[in-house]
N, C-alpha and C. Protein backbone atom coordinates (compact mmCIF):
# COMPACT_ATOMS: atom_id res chain seq x y z
N MET A 1 40.99 -27.11 -29.58
CA MET A 1 39.54 -27.05 -29.64
C MET A 1 38.96 -28.45 -29.81
N TYR A 2 39.08 -29.06 -30.97
CA TYR A 2 38.62 -30.43 -31.19
C TYR A 2 39.36 -31.01 -32.37
N ASN A 3 39.26 -32.33 -32.49
CA ASN A 3 39.84 -32.97 -33.67
C ASN A 3 39.10 -32.47 -34.90
N ASP A 4 39.75 -32.48 -36.00
CA ASP A 4 39.17 -31.91 -37.21
C ASP A 4 38.47 -32.97 -38.06
N TYR A 5 37.58 -33.75 -37.46
CA TYR A 5 36.87 -34.79 -38.21
C TYR A 5 35.57 -34.29 -38.83
N PHE A 6 35.06 -33.16 -38.40
CA PHE A 6 33.78 -32.73 -38.93
C PHE A 6 33.78 -32.59 -40.45
N PRO A 7 34.78 -31.94 -41.06
CA PRO A 7 34.73 -31.82 -42.52
C PRO A 7 34.63 -33.18 -43.24
N GLN A 8 35.45 -34.14 -42.83
CA GLN A 8 35.37 -35.44 -43.50
C GLN A 8 34.10 -36.18 -43.11
N ASN A 9 33.60 -35.98 -41.89
CA ASN A 9 32.37 -36.65 -41.49
C ASN A 9 31.16 -36.11 -42.24
N ILE A 10 31.07 -34.79 -42.42
CA ILE A 10 29.92 -34.26 -43.13
C ILE A 10 29.97 -34.71 -44.59
N LYS A 11 31.16 -34.76 -45.15
CA LYS A 11 31.32 -35.27 -46.53
C LYS A 11 30.89 -36.74 -46.60
N TYR A 12 31.33 -37.54 -45.62
CA TYR A 12 30.98 -38.96 -45.57
C TYR A 12 29.46 -39.13 -45.45
N LEU A 13 28.83 -38.36 -44.57
CA LEU A 13 27.39 -38.49 -44.36
C LEU A 13 26.60 -38.08 -45.61
N LEU A 14 27.06 -37.04 -46.28
CA LEU A 14 26.41 -36.62 -47.53
C LEU A 14 26.63 -37.64 -48.64
N ASP A 15 27.87 -38.10 -48.78
CA ASP A 15 28.20 -39.05 -49.86
C ASP A 15 27.48 -40.38 -49.69
N ASN A 16 27.20 -40.76 -48.45
CA ASN A 16 26.55 -42.04 -48.20
C ASN A 16 25.03 -41.92 -48.03
N GLY A 17 24.51 -40.76 -48.30
CA GLY A 17 23.06 -40.58 -48.29
C GLY A 17 22.42 -40.57 -46.92
N GLU A 18 23.22 -40.39 -45.88
CA GLU A 18 22.63 -40.35 -44.55
C GLU A 18 21.91 -39.03 -44.30
N ILE A 19 22.28 -38.02 -45.06
CA ILE A 19 21.61 -36.72 -45.01
C ILE A 19 21.88 -36.04 -46.34
N SER A 20 20.97 -35.18 -46.74
CA SER A 20 21.16 -34.44 -47.99
C SER A 20 21.52 -32.99 -47.67
N ALA A 21 22.11 -32.33 -48.64
CA ALA A 21 22.44 -30.91 -48.47
C ALA A 21 21.15 -30.12 -48.25
N LYS A 22 20.10 -30.49 -48.95
CA LYS A 22 18.81 -29.80 -48.79
C LYS A 22 18.31 -29.93 -47.36
N THR A 23 18.41 -31.13 -46.79
CA THR A 23 17.96 -31.34 -45.42
C THR A 23 18.80 -30.52 -44.45
N ILE A 24 20.11 -30.49 -44.66
CA ILE A 24 20.98 -29.70 -43.79
C ILE A 24 20.56 -28.24 -43.83
N LEU A 25 20.34 -27.72 -45.02
CA LEU A 25 19.95 -26.33 -45.16
C LEU A 25 18.61 -26.06 -44.48
N GLU A 26 17.67 -26.97 -44.63
CA GLU A 26 16.37 -26.81 -43.98
C GLU A 26 16.49 -26.86 -42.46
N LEU A 27 17.26 -27.82 -41.96
CA LEU A 27 17.42 -27.97 -40.52
C LEU A 27 18.08 -26.75 -39.87
N THR A 28 19.09 -26.24 -40.55
CA THR A 28 19.88 -25.16 -39.96
C THR A 28 19.36 -23.77 -40.30
N GLY A 29 18.42 -23.70 -41.23
CA GLY A 29 17.89 -22.40 -41.63
C GLY A 29 18.85 -21.62 -42.51
N ASN A 30 19.86 -22.29 -43.02
CA ASN A 30 20.80 -21.65 -43.95
C ASN A 30 20.24 -21.79 -45.36
N ASN A 31 20.65 -20.88 -46.24
CA ASN A 31 20.15 -20.96 -47.61
C ASN A 31 21.26 -20.99 -48.64
N SER A 32 22.48 -21.24 -48.19
CA SER A 32 23.60 -21.23 -49.11
C SER A 32 24.27 -22.61 -49.18
N PRO A 33 24.07 -23.34 -50.30
CA PRO A 33 24.74 -24.63 -50.44
C PRO A 33 26.27 -24.51 -50.36
N SER A 34 26.79 -23.33 -50.70
CA SER A 34 28.25 -23.16 -50.63
C SER A 34 28.75 -23.25 -49.19
N LEU A 35 27.89 -22.96 -48.22
CA LEU A 35 28.29 -23.10 -46.81
C LEU A 35 28.64 -24.56 -46.51
N ILE A 36 27.86 -25.49 -47.03
CA ILE A 36 28.12 -26.91 -46.82
C ILE A 36 29.44 -27.30 -47.48
N THR A 37 29.67 -26.77 -48.66
CA THR A 37 30.95 -27.03 -49.34
C THR A 37 32.11 -26.53 -48.49
N MET A 38 31.95 -25.35 -47.89
CA MET A 38 33.02 -24.81 -47.04
C MET A 38 33.22 -25.66 -45.78
N TRP A 39 32.14 -26.23 -45.25
CA TRP A 39 32.27 -27.14 -44.10
C TRP A 39 33.06 -28.37 -44.53
N LYS A 40 32.73 -28.92 -45.71
CA LYS A 40 33.38 -30.13 -46.20
C LYS A 40 34.87 -29.94 -46.45
N THR A 41 35.25 -28.76 -46.87
CA THR A 41 36.66 -28.50 -47.15
C THR A 41 37.41 -27.99 -45.92
N GLY A 42 36.67 -27.69 -44.85
CA GLY A 42 37.30 -27.15 -43.66
C GLY A 42 37.58 -25.66 -43.77
N GLU A 43 37.11 -25.06 -44.85
CA GLU A 43 37.31 -23.63 -45.07
C GLU A 43 36.54 -22.79 -44.05
N ARG A 44 35.45 -23.36 -43.57
CA ARG A 44 34.63 -22.66 -42.58
C ARG A 44 34.17 -23.65 -41.52
N GLN A 45 34.16 -23.21 -40.25
CA GLN A 45 33.71 -24.08 -39.17
C GLN A 45 32.21 -23.94 -38.98
N ILE A 46 31.60 -25.03 -38.59
CA ILE A 46 30.17 -25.05 -38.33
C ILE A 46 29.90 -24.38 -36.98
N THR A 47 28.75 -23.74 -36.86
CA THR A 47 28.39 -23.15 -35.58
C THR A 47 27.95 -24.26 -34.63
N THR A 48 28.08 -24.00 -33.36
CA THR A 48 27.66 -24.98 -32.35
C THR A 48 26.19 -25.32 -32.51
N LYS A 49 25.37 -24.30 -32.75
CA LYS A 49 23.93 -24.51 -32.91
C LYS A 49 23.64 -25.45 -34.08
N ASP A 50 24.28 -25.21 -35.22
CA ASP A 50 24.07 -26.06 -36.40
C ASP A 50 24.60 -27.47 -36.16
N LEU A 51 25.72 -27.57 -35.49
CA LEU A 51 26.31 -28.87 -35.17
C LEU A 51 25.36 -29.70 -34.32
N ILE A 52 24.80 -29.08 -33.30
CA ILE A 52 23.85 -29.78 -32.41
C ILE A 52 22.61 -30.20 -33.19
N THR A 53 22.11 -29.32 -34.02
CA THR A 53 20.91 -29.62 -34.82
C THR A 53 21.13 -30.82 -35.72
N ILE A 54 22.26 -30.84 -36.42
CA ILE A 54 22.56 -31.94 -37.34
C ILE A 54 22.79 -33.23 -36.56
N ALA A 55 23.53 -33.16 -35.47
CA ALA A 55 23.78 -34.35 -34.65
C ALA A 55 22.47 -34.94 -34.15
N ASN A 56 21.60 -34.11 -33.63
CA ASN A 56 20.31 -34.60 -33.12
C ASN A 56 19.48 -35.23 -34.22
N HIS A 57 19.46 -34.61 -35.38
CA HIS A 57 18.69 -35.15 -36.50
C HIS A 57 19.19 -36.53 -36.92
N LEU A 58 20.50 -36.70 -36.92
CA LEU A 58 21.10 -37.95 -37.38
C LEU A 58 21.21 -39.02 -36.30
N GLY A 59 21.01 -38.63 -35.05
CA GLY A 59 21.16 -39.59 -33.97
C GLY A 59 22.60 -39.80 -33.54
N TYR A 60 23.46 -38.88 -33.91
CA TYR A 60 24.85 -38.90 -33.46
C TYR A 60 25.00 -37.94 -32.30
N THR A 61 26.07 -38.09 -31.56
CA THR A 61 26.41 -37.08 -30.57
C THR A 61 27.30 -36.04 -31.25
N VAL A 62 27.37 -34.88 -30.66
CA VAL A 62 28.27 -33.84 -31.17
C VAL A 62 29.70 -34.38 -31.13
N ASP A 63 30.04 -35.06 -30.06
CA ASP A 63 31.38 -35.64 -29.92
C ASP A 63 31.71 -36.56 -31.09
N GLU A 64 30.76 -37.40 -31.49
CA GLU A 64 31.01 -38.30 -32.61
C GLU A 64 31.26 -37.54 -33.90
N LEU A 65 30.51 -36.47 -34.13
CA LEU A 65 30.66 -35.72 -35.37
C LEU A 65 31.98 -34.98 -35.47
N ILE A 66 32.52 -34.57 -34.32
CA ILE A 66 33.75 -33.77 -34.39
C ILE A 66 35.01 -34.51 -33.95
N ASN A 67 34.87 -35.60 -33.21
CA ASN A 67 36.05 -36.27 -32.67
C ASN A 67 36.28 -37.68 -33.17
N LYS A 68 35.39 -38.20 -34.00
CA LYS A 68 35.54 -39.58 -34.48
C LYS A 68 35.43 -39.61 -35.99
N ASP A 69 36.18 -40.51 -36.58
CA ASP A 69 36.10 -40.75 -38.02
C ASP A 69 34.94 -41.71 -38.25
N LEU A 70 33.80 -41.18 -38.67
CA LEU A 70 32.60 -42.00 -38.83
C LEU A 70 32.75 -43.05 -39.91
N SER A 71 33.62 -42.81 -40.86
CA SER A 71 33.80 -43.79 -41.93
C SER A 71 34.49 -45.05 -41.43
N LYS A 72 35.14 -44.98 -40.28
CA LYS A 72 35.86 -46.14 -39.75
C LYS A 72 35.20 -46.74 -38.52
N SER A 73 34.06 -46.22 -38.16
CA SER A 73 33.40 -46.76 -36.98
C SER A 73 32.08 -47.38 -37.37
N ASN A 74 31.57 -48.19 -36.50
CA ASN A 74 30.31 -48.88 -36.75
C ASN A 74 29.23 -48.25 -35.87
N ASN A 75 28.80 -47.06 -36.24
CA ASN A 75 27.81 -46.35 -35.44
C ASN A 75 26.38 -46.67 -35.84
N LYS A 76 26.19 -47.43 -36.91
CA LYS A 76 24.83 -47.72 -37.37
C LYS A 76 23.98 -48.33 -36.27
N THR A 77 24.50 -49.35 -35.60
CA THR A 77 23.74 -50.01 -34.56
C THR A 77 23.45 -49.05 -33.43
N ASP A 78 24.43 -48.26 -33.03
CA ASP A 78 24.23 -47.29 -31.96
C ASP A 78 23.17 -46.26 -32.35
N ARG A 79 23.19 -45.80 -33.60
CA ARG A 79 22.23 -44.81 -34.06
C ARG A 79 20.83 -45.39 -34.08
N PHE A 80 20.71 -46.66 -34.50
CA PHE A 80 19.39 -47.29 -34.48
C PHE A 80 18.90 -47.42 -33.04
N GLN A 81 19.80 -47.71 -32.14
CA GLN A 81 19.40 -47.81 -30.74
C GLN A 81 18.91 -46.47 -30.22
N VAL A 82 19.59 -45.39 -30.59
CA VAL A 82 19.15 -44.05 -30.19
C VAL A 82 17.77 -43.77 -30.74
N LEU A 83 17.56 -44.05 -32.02
CA LEU A 83 16.25 -43.85 -32.63
C LEU A 83 15.20 -44.70 -31.95
N PHE A 84 15.53 -45.95 -31.70
CA PHE A 84 14.62 -46.87 -31.02
C PHE A 84 14.27 -46.33 -29.63
N ASP A 85 15.28 -45.86 -28.91
CA ASP A 85 15.06 -45.32 -27.56
C ASP A 85 14.17 -44.08 -27.60
N LYS A 86 14.34 -43.24 -28.62
CA LYS A 86 13.54 -42.02 -28.73
C LYS A 86 12.07 -42.32 -28.97
N THR A 87 11.78 -43.45 -29.63
CA THR A 87 10.40 -43.76 -29.99
C THR A 87 9.78 -44.84 -29.12
N LYS A 88 10.53 -45.36 -28.18
CA LYS A 88 10.05 -46.52 -27.43
C LYS A 88 8.76 -46.26 -26.66
N ASP A 89 8.52 -45.02 -26.26
CA ASP A 89 7.31 -44.74 -25.48
C ASP A 89 6.04 -44.76 -26.32
N ILE A 90 6.17 -44.66 -27.64
CA ILE A 90 4.97 -44.67 -28.47
C ILE A 90 4.78 -45.99 -29.21
N LEU A 91 5.74 -46.91 -29.04
CA LEU A 91 5.64 -48.21 -29.70
C LEU A 91 4.95 -49.23 -28.81
N SER A 92 4.15 -50.08 -29.44
CA SER A 92 3.56 -51.19 -28.70
C SER A 92 4.61 -52.29 -28.55
N ASP A 93 4.33 -53.26 -27.70
CA ASP A 93 5.25 -54.39 -27.55
C ASP A 93 5.42 -55.14 -28.87
N ASP A 94 4.33 -55.27 -29.64
CA ASP A 94 4.41 -55.92 -30.95
C ASP A 94 5.29 -55.13 -31.91
N ASP A 95 5.15 -53.79 -31.88
CA ASP A 95 5.99 -52.94 -32.73
C ASP A 95 7.46 -53.15 -32.39
N ARG A 96 7.77 -53.14 -31.12
CA ARG A 96 9.16 -53.32 -30.68
C ARG A 96 9.70 -54.68 -31.12
N ALA A 97 8.92 -55.69 -30.94
CA ALA A 97 9.35 -57.04 -31.31
C ALA A 97 9.59 -57.13 -32.82
N THR A 98 8.70 -56.53 -33.60
CA THR A 98 8.85 -56.54 -35.06
C THR A 98 10.11 -55.80 -35.49
N ILE A 99 10.34 -54.65 -34.92
CA ILE A 99 11.54 -53.86 -35.26
C ILE A 99 12.80 -54.62 -34.87
N GLU A 100 12.82 -55.18 -33.70
CA GLU A 100 13.99 -55.94 -33.26
C GLU A 100 14.23 -57.14 -34.18
N PHE A 101 13.15 -57.82 -34.59
CA PHE A 101 13.28 -58.96 -35.49
C PHE A 101 13.88 -58.53 -36.83
N ILE A 102 13.35 -57.46 -37.39
CA ILE A 102 13.85 -56.97 -38.69
C ILE A 102 15.30 -56.56 -38.58
N MET A 103 15.65 -55.85 -37.53
CA MET A 103 17.04 -55.41 -37.36
C MET A 103 17.97 -56.60 -37.20
N GLN A 104 17.58 -57.58 -36.43
CA GLN A 104 18.44 -58.75 -36.23
C GLN A 104 18.58 -59.55 -37.51
N LYS A 105 17.48 -59.70 -38.24
CA LYS A 105 17.54 -60.43 -39.51
C LYS A 105 18.46 -59.72 -40.49
N THR A 106 18.39 -58.40 -40.54
CA THR A 106 19.25 -57.62 -41.43
C THR A 106 20.71 -57.79 -41.04
N ILE A 107 21.00 -57.71 -39.77
CA ILE A 107 22.38 -57.90 -39.29
C ILE A 107 22.87 -59.30 -39.61
N ASP A 108 22.04 -60.30 -39.37
CA ASP A 108 22.42 -61.69 -39.66
C ASP A 108 22.70 -61.88 -41.16
N ASN A 109 21.85 -61.32 -42.02
CA ASN A 109 22.06 -61.42 -43.47
C ASN A 109 23.34 -60.72 -43.90
N TYR A 110 23.60 -59.57 -43.32
CA TYR A 110 24.83 -58.85 -43.63
C TYR A 110 26.05 -59.68 -43.25
N GLU A 111 26.04 -60.21 -42.04
CA GLU A 111 27.17 -61.02 -41.58
C GLU A 111 27.34 -62.27 -42.45
N LYS A 112 26.24 -62.91 -42.81
CA LYS A 112 26.29 -64.10 -43.65
C LYS A 112 26.90 -63.77 -45.02
N ASN A 113 26.44 -62.68 -45.63
CA ASN A 113 26.96 -62.27 -46.93
C ASN A 113 28.42 -61.84 -46.84
N LYS A 114 28.78 -61.20 -45.76
CA LYS A 114 30.15 -60.75 -45.57
C LYS A 114 31.10 -61.95 -45.45
N ASN A 115 30.65 -62.99 -44.75
CA ASN A 115 31.46 -64.19 -44.57
C ASN A 115 31.56 -65.01 -45.84
N ASN A 116 30.59 -64.90 -46.74
CA ASN A 116 30.60 -65.66 -47.99
C ASN A 116 31.43 -65.01 -49.08
N GLN A 117 31.91 -63.81 -48.85
CA GLN A 117 32.69 -63.12 -49.89
C GLN A 117 34.13 -63.49 -49.85
């Protein structure tokens, strides 16, 4: 079927604050926090509908959520690009330039701090 990365990925996303259990429940229309616990332990598989909903909300692909170890990949830049692409039609040229500047400055600062450690 697929690699079994979803349980560890949903745990990783929750633990790192990329999404909350409350948000997952609201997005999927589920009302049982224990369902999320069962997803995290692999005790229960997520439905395709819920998987697509969560992936779309987070800016990941379904493939990334189920076939890749998100804790070992650098998807942040890709996810920001997806978000940027989704909103590009409503942004002015100044908005785009400001966002690109902030993102580049943040990346540069991260790299600088990483190299100084």
